[in-house]
Amino acid sequence: MLMFDFTFKNRLDTIRSATRLAATLALLSLLSGCGSAEDPQAQAEALLNVAEQGDVASIEQLLGQRVDANVRNSCNWTPLMKAAVNGHADAVARLLAAGAEVDAVDQGGYTALLLAASNNHTAVMQQLLDQGAMIDAKEQTQGYTPLIWAAHRGHREAVELLLERGADTTLPDFAAKTAAEHAREQGREAVLALF
């Protein structure tokens, strides 16, 4: 079993590296003028990829070419969502300054705040909340709010921030469970003590 896990991890790392390399080459091609700077699809993909990597310099260059900060991929993810889920606070700040929609939703109803909260990226969460992000947004797969996600995963810092900012502790998910009930079920005692 360990051999399979190790091999699978190596393959996954190789795929990720190849994806990053392809994105970097596409971006370099666009920025050097070798690619079609007029190709909106290539520009959108490049912006999504560099946002995921937190590459602020490349984000700046693409935005300077008038690439829309709110482009979307096939799952309706935006560059802001990609930066938020990976905790890239500088990229998030630049995208917000460029007019990224703070409460844009993907196919599952996830917002950048939901993605940041589920991964305990409190610096990003603060930025999004400062820009008016809906603190009690619910994704459409399980009905989780940012507070429920953070409590479920045991992210004490994220829960503290959401409670300080006024997140509704009484909102249930689609299974009628609140954030505190998730914390209790998952054995997140430190988080449960915050409620």
Foldseek 3Di string as FASTA:
>chain_A
DVVVVVVVVVVVVVVVVVVLVVLVVLLVCLLVVVDPVPPLVSLQSNLLSCLLVLPQVSVVSSVVSVRQQLDADPQSDGSLLSNLLNLNLVSNVVSVVSPHDQLRATNQQDGSLLSNLLVLSVSNNVVSVVVPYDQQGFGRPWRDGSLLSNLLNLNQNSNVVSVVVPHDQCDATPVNDGSLNSNVVNVNVSNNVVD
